[in-house]
Protein backbone atom coordinates (compact mmCIF):
# COMPACT_ATOMS: atom_id res chain seq x y z
CA MET A 1 -27.27 122.77 4.41
CA LYS A 2 -28.30 124.59 1.26
CA LYS A 3 -25.34 125.54 -0.90
CA LYS A 4 -24.88 129.22 -1.63
CA LYS A 5 -25.42 130.05 -5.29
CA ARG A 6 -22.36 130.73 -7.37
CA VAL A 7 -22.69 134.06 -9.16
CA ILE A 8 -21.42 135.39 -12.48
CA ASN A 9 -21.89 139.05 -13.40
CA VAL A 10 -22.08 139.20 -17.20
CA LEU A 11 -21.90 142.45 -19.15
CA VAL A 12 -23.69 142.04 -22.49
CA ALA A 13 -22.46 144.84 -24.72
CA GLY A 14 -21.82 145.72 -28.33
CA HIS A 15 -22.44 148.27 -31.04
CA SER A 16 -25.93 149.74 -31.34
CA GLN A 17 -28.47 147.43 -33.03
CA SER A 18 -26.20 144.37 -32.74
CA GLY A 19 -28.91 142.36 -30.96
CA LYS A 20 -27.91 142.60 -27.29
CA SER A 21 -31.37 142.94 -25.75
CA SER A 22 -32.86 140.29 -28.06
CA LEU A 23 -30.09 137.88 -27.04
CA ILE A 24 -30.81 138.43 -23.33
CA SER A 25 -34.52 137.96 -24.02
CA ALA A 26 -33.82 134.63 -25.76
CA ILE A 27 -31.85 133.44 -22.72
CA CYS A 28 -33.97 134.81 -19.88
CA GLY A 29 -37.42 135.04 -21.43
CA VAL A 30 -37.63 138.72 -20.44
CA PHE A 31 -37.02 141.63 -22.82
CA PRO A 32 -34.89 144.09 -20.81
CA ASP A 33 -35.86 147.35 -22.51
CA SER A 34 -38.84 148.92 -20.74
CA LEU A 35 -38.51 152.71 -20.97
CA ASP A 36 -40.80 154.47 -23.47
CA TYR A 37 -37.84 155.87 -25.41
CA GLU A 38 -36.19 152.43 -25.62
CA LEU A 39 -39.34 150.74 -26.88
CA ALA A 40 -40.06 153.51 -29.38
CA HIS A 41 -36.54 153.65 -30.81
CA GLY A 42 -35.47 150.03 -30.38
CA THR A 43 -32.29 150.91 -28.51
CA THR A 44 -31.12 150.54 -24.89
CA ILE A 45 -30.25 153.79 -23.08
CA SER A 46 -29.73 152.63 -19.47
CA LEU A 47 -27.90 149.79 -17.75
CA LYS A 48 -30.23 147.03 -16.49
CA VAL A 49 -29.72 143.80 -14.57
CA ILE A 50 -31.66 140.65 -15.52
CA GLN A 51 -31.15 137.47 -13.50
CA PHE A 52 -31.16 133.92 -14.84
CA GLU A 53 -30.66 130.75 -12.79
CA LEU A 54 -28.89 127.59 -13.91
CA LYS A 55 -30.54 125.49 -11.23
CA ASN A 56 -28.81 122.21 -12.08
CA GLN A 57 -25.44 123.92 -11.68
CA ASN A 58 -26.44 126.14 -8.74
CA ILE A 59 -25.32 129.22 -10.71
CA LEU A 60 -26.95 132.64 -10.80
CA LEU A 61 -26.21 134.76 -13.87
CA ASN A 62 -26.60 138.51 -13.50
CA PHE A 63 -26.87 139.83 -17.05
CA LEU A 64 -26.05 143.53 -17.37
CA ASP A 65 -27.76 144.83 -20.49
CA SER A 66 -25.88 147.93 -21.60
CA PRO A 67 -26.49 150.76 -24.08
CA GLY A 68 -24.80 150.42 -27.46
CA HIS A 69 -25.01 154.03 -28.60
CA ALA A 70 -21.99 156.25 -27.85
CA ASP A 71 -24.24 158.89 -26.27
CA PHE A 72 -24.93 156.52 -23.35
CA LYS A 73 -21.46 155.04 -22.84
CA GLY A 74 -21.55 155.96 -19.13
CA GLY A 75 -23.73 152.90 -18.56
CA ILE A 76 -21.22 150.72 -20.36
CA ALA A 77 -18.38 152.07 -18.21
CA LEU A 78 -20.34 151.17 -15.06
CA GLY A 79 -20.85 147.66 -16.38
CA LEU A 80 -17.13 147.23 -17.05
CA GLU A 81 -16.37 148.23 -13.46
CA PHE A 82 -18.67 145.53 -12.05
CA THR A 83 -18.60 142.61 -14.46
CA ASP A 84 -16.76 139.29 -14.29
CA LEU A 85 -17.14 138.59 -17.99
CA LEU A 86 -17.88 140.53 -21.19
CA VAL A 87 -20.17 138.92 -23.73
CA LEU A 88 -19.25 141.04 -26.74
CA VAL A 89 -22.20 141.02 -29.11
CA VAL A 90 -21.18 141.36 -32.77
CA SER A 91 -23.64 141.33 -35.64
CA GLY A 92 -22.65 138.58 -38.07
CA SER A 93 -23.50 140.81 -41.01
CA GLU A 94 -21.87 144.03 -39.72
CA GLY A 95 -18.78 142.63 -37.96
CA PHE A 96 -16.59 144.78 -35.70
CA GLN A 97 -17.71 148.42 -35.45
CA ALA A 98 -16.59 151.48 -33.49
CA ARG A 99 -18.21 150.48 -30.18
CA THR A 100 -17.00 146.88 -30.61
CA TYR A 101 -13.36 147.97 -30.78
CA TRP A 102 -13.78 150.30 -27.78
CA LEU A 103 -15.32 147.54 -25.66
CA PHE A 104 -12.71 144.97 -26.66
CA GLU A 105 -9.83 147.31 -25.82
CA ASN A 106 -11.29 148.46 -22.49
CA ALA A 107 -12.13 144.93 -21.36
CA THR A 108 -8.60 143.82 -22.27
CA LEU A 109 -7.08 146.70 -20.27
CA ARG A 110 -9.12 145.56 -17.23
CA ASN A 111 -8.23 141.87 -17.74
CA ILE A 112 -11.93 141.02 -18.17
CA PRO A 113 -12.47 137.70 -20.00
CA ILE A 114 -14.30 138.03 -23.33
CA ILE A 115 -16.72 135.77 -25.17
CA ILE A 116 -17.95 136.90 -28.58
CA ALA A 117 -21.59 136.22 -29.40
CA ALA A 118 -21.94 136.47 -33.17
CA THR A 119 -25.62 137.33 -33.68
CA LYS A 120 -28.02 137.22 -36.65
CA MET A 121 -26.11 134.25 -38.07
CA ASP A 122 -29.22 133.16 -39.98
CA LEU A 123 -28.71 136.03 -42.46
CA ARG A 124 -27.12 135.39 -45.87
CA ASN A 125 -24.41 138.04 -45.71
CA VAL A 126 -22.72 136.96 -42.47
CA ASN A 127 -18.94 136.66 -42.21
CA LEU A 128 -17.79 134.73 -39.14
CA ASP A 129 -14.21 134.40 -40.39
CA LYS A 130 -13.86 138.20 -40.48
CA ILE A 131 -15.08 138.48 -36.86
CA LYS A 132 -12.60 135.82 -35.72
CA PHE A 133 -9.79 137.49 -37.66
CA GLU A 134 -10.46 140.89 -36.08
CA SER A 135 -10.60 139.49 -32.53
CA LYS A 136 -7.42 137.48 -32.97
CA LYS A 137 -5.64 140.52 -34.41
CA LEU A 138 -6.62 142.61 -31.37
CA ALA A 139 -5.90 139.99 -28.71
CA ASN A 140 -3.17 137.96 -30.40
CA ARG A 141 -5.06 134.88 -29.27
CA ILE A 142 -8.24 132.99 -30.11
CA ILE A 143 -11.30 134.45 -28.37
CA PRO A 144 -14.23 132.02 -27.81
CA THR A 145 -16.82 132.85 -30.48
CA ILE A 146 -20.35 131.43 -30.45
CA GLU A 147 -22.65 131.63 -33.48
CA THR A 148 -26.18 132.58 -32.47
CA SER A 149 -29.54 133.39 -34.01
CA VAL A 150 -32.49 134.55 -31.94
CA LYS A 151 -34.76 134.22 -34.96
CA LYS A 152 -33.78 130.60 -35.67
CA ASN A 153 -33.09 129.81 -31.98
CA PHE A 154 -29.64 128.31 -32.25
CA GLY A 155 -26.43 128.84 -30.31
CA ILE A 156 -28.26 130.16 -27.23
CA GLU A 157 -27.73 127.12 -25.02
CA GLU A 158 -24.12 126.79 -26.15
CA LEU A 159 -23.50 130.43 -25.20
CA VAL A 160 -25.04 129.98 -21.75
CA GLN A 161 -22.92 126.91 -21.05
CA LYS A 162 -19.77 128.75 -22.13
CA ILE A 163 -20.67 131.63 -19.79
CA SER A 164 -21.19 129.17 -16.90
CA LEU A 165 -17.48 128.26 -16.99
CA TYR A 166 -16.54 131.71 -15.69
CA VAL A 167 -17.77 131.33 -12.11
CA LYS A 168 -15.84 133.62 -9.79
CA ILE A 169 -15.00 132.73 -6.18
CA ARG A 170 -16.44 135.40 -3.88
CA ASP A 171 -14.98 135.47 -0.38
CA LYS A 172 -15.05 139.18 0.49
CA THR A 173 -18.14 139.30 2.71
CA ASN A 174 -15.98 140.13 5.72
CA SER A 175 -14.19 142.95 3.90
CA GLU A 176 -15.03 146.64 4.05
CA LEU A 177 -18.22 147.55 2.17
CA SER A 178 -17.52 148.49 -1.43
CA PHE A 179 -20.27 148.94 -3.98
CA ILE A 180 -21.24 150.55 -7.26
CA ILE A 181 -24.55 152.23 -8.10
CA LEU A 182 -25.67 150.74 -11.43
CA GLY A 183 -28.85 152.80 -11.75
CA PHE A 184 -31.93 154.12 -9.98
CA ASN A 185 -35.66 154.57 -10.42
CA LEU A 186 -38.72 155.73 -8.50
CA LYS A 187 -40.95 153.11 -6.89
CA LYS A 188 -44.50 154.12 -5.97
CA GLY A 189 -44.97 154.19 -2.20
CA ILE A 190 -41.24 153.66 -1.59
CA GLY A 191 -39.44 156.56 -3.20
CA GLU A 192 -36.04 156.46 -4.88
CA VAL A 193 -34.67 152.96 -5.39
CA LEU A 194 -30.98 152.44 -6.10
CA ASN A 195 -29.75 149.46 -8.07
CA VAL A 196 -26.59 148.58 -6.14
CA GLY A 197 -23.91 146.07 -7.00
CA ILE A 198 -21.88 144.98 -3.97
CA ILE A 199 -18.22 144.37 -4.79
CA SER A 200 -17.18 143.40 -1.26
CA GLY A 201 -18.56 143.43 2.28
CA LYS A 202 -22.26 143.49 3.14
CA ILE A 203 -24.91 145.98 4.24
CA GLU A 204 -25.42 145.73 7.99
CA THR A 205 -26.64 149.18 9.08
CA ASN A 206 -29.29 151.70 8.04
CA TRP A 207 -26.73 153.82 6.22
CA LEU A 208 -25.10 152.90 2.92
CA THR A 209 -22.96 156.04 3.09
CA GLU A 210 -23.03 159.15 5.27
CA LYS A 211 -25.62 160.64 2.94
CA ILE A 212 -27.62 157.60 1.76
CA LYS A 213 -30.00 156.07 4.28
CA VAL A 214 -31.32 152.56 3.60
CA ARG A 215 -35.01 152.09 4.46
CA HIS A 216 -35.68 148.86 2.56
CA ILE A 217 -33.68 146.31 0.59
CA PHE A 218 -35.28 144.47 -2.31
CA SER A 219 -34.09 141.63 -4.50
CA LEU A 220 -34.05 142.27 -8.25
CA GLY A 221 -37.29 140.32 -8.33
CA GLY A 222 -38.93 142.86 -6.02
CA VAL A 223 -38.95 140.74 -2.83
CA GLN A 224 -38.14 142.69 0.34
CA LEU A 225 -35.09 141.31 2.10
CA GLU A 226 -34.03 141.33 5.74
CA TYR A 227 -30.69 142.87 6.76
């Protein structure tokens, strides 16, 4: 009997321009930003989910790429509601910034585990000790901190393996359906497509709610699923 994949929902978040999307791209091989505005301005404005399998460990990582700019913090709040783990992306040269502090405090309030990914560590003006000092001051404990560089390709594998330790046991399939809508888009020939994260229970009928009718269910990869 094929073992069911173990799943980890991972919110990747940090201050704007800290390197979140580039870090996900280095791990998954897919750059998450796809909207015209995002590509033109080099910043994420909507929450996206990118999947990555650790086949040898039978683990599925759902990376939630979140906006860094304060104008789009609604997407970050959604991610915090759904995630099992926060990968807090901190630029090695910039250190903790306004959005970094906000994320750290909100994740701590929700008892969400935190891993710090110190990015751009190939630059000359990085200060890892300052990042570690700030995190310890906020949490009064040592937070796992991984040095990474997308440009020089180091620390990526170490970060993934650290993330893999946070597998969460999921045994709520028989519970009442509870879900969160992470986003939506329009699919040609289909109509409006909701990106839904199921917290507990499972979809068994044609109605997600009294007002939302389900016509098709797709995997994140676009494969139509039976239900």
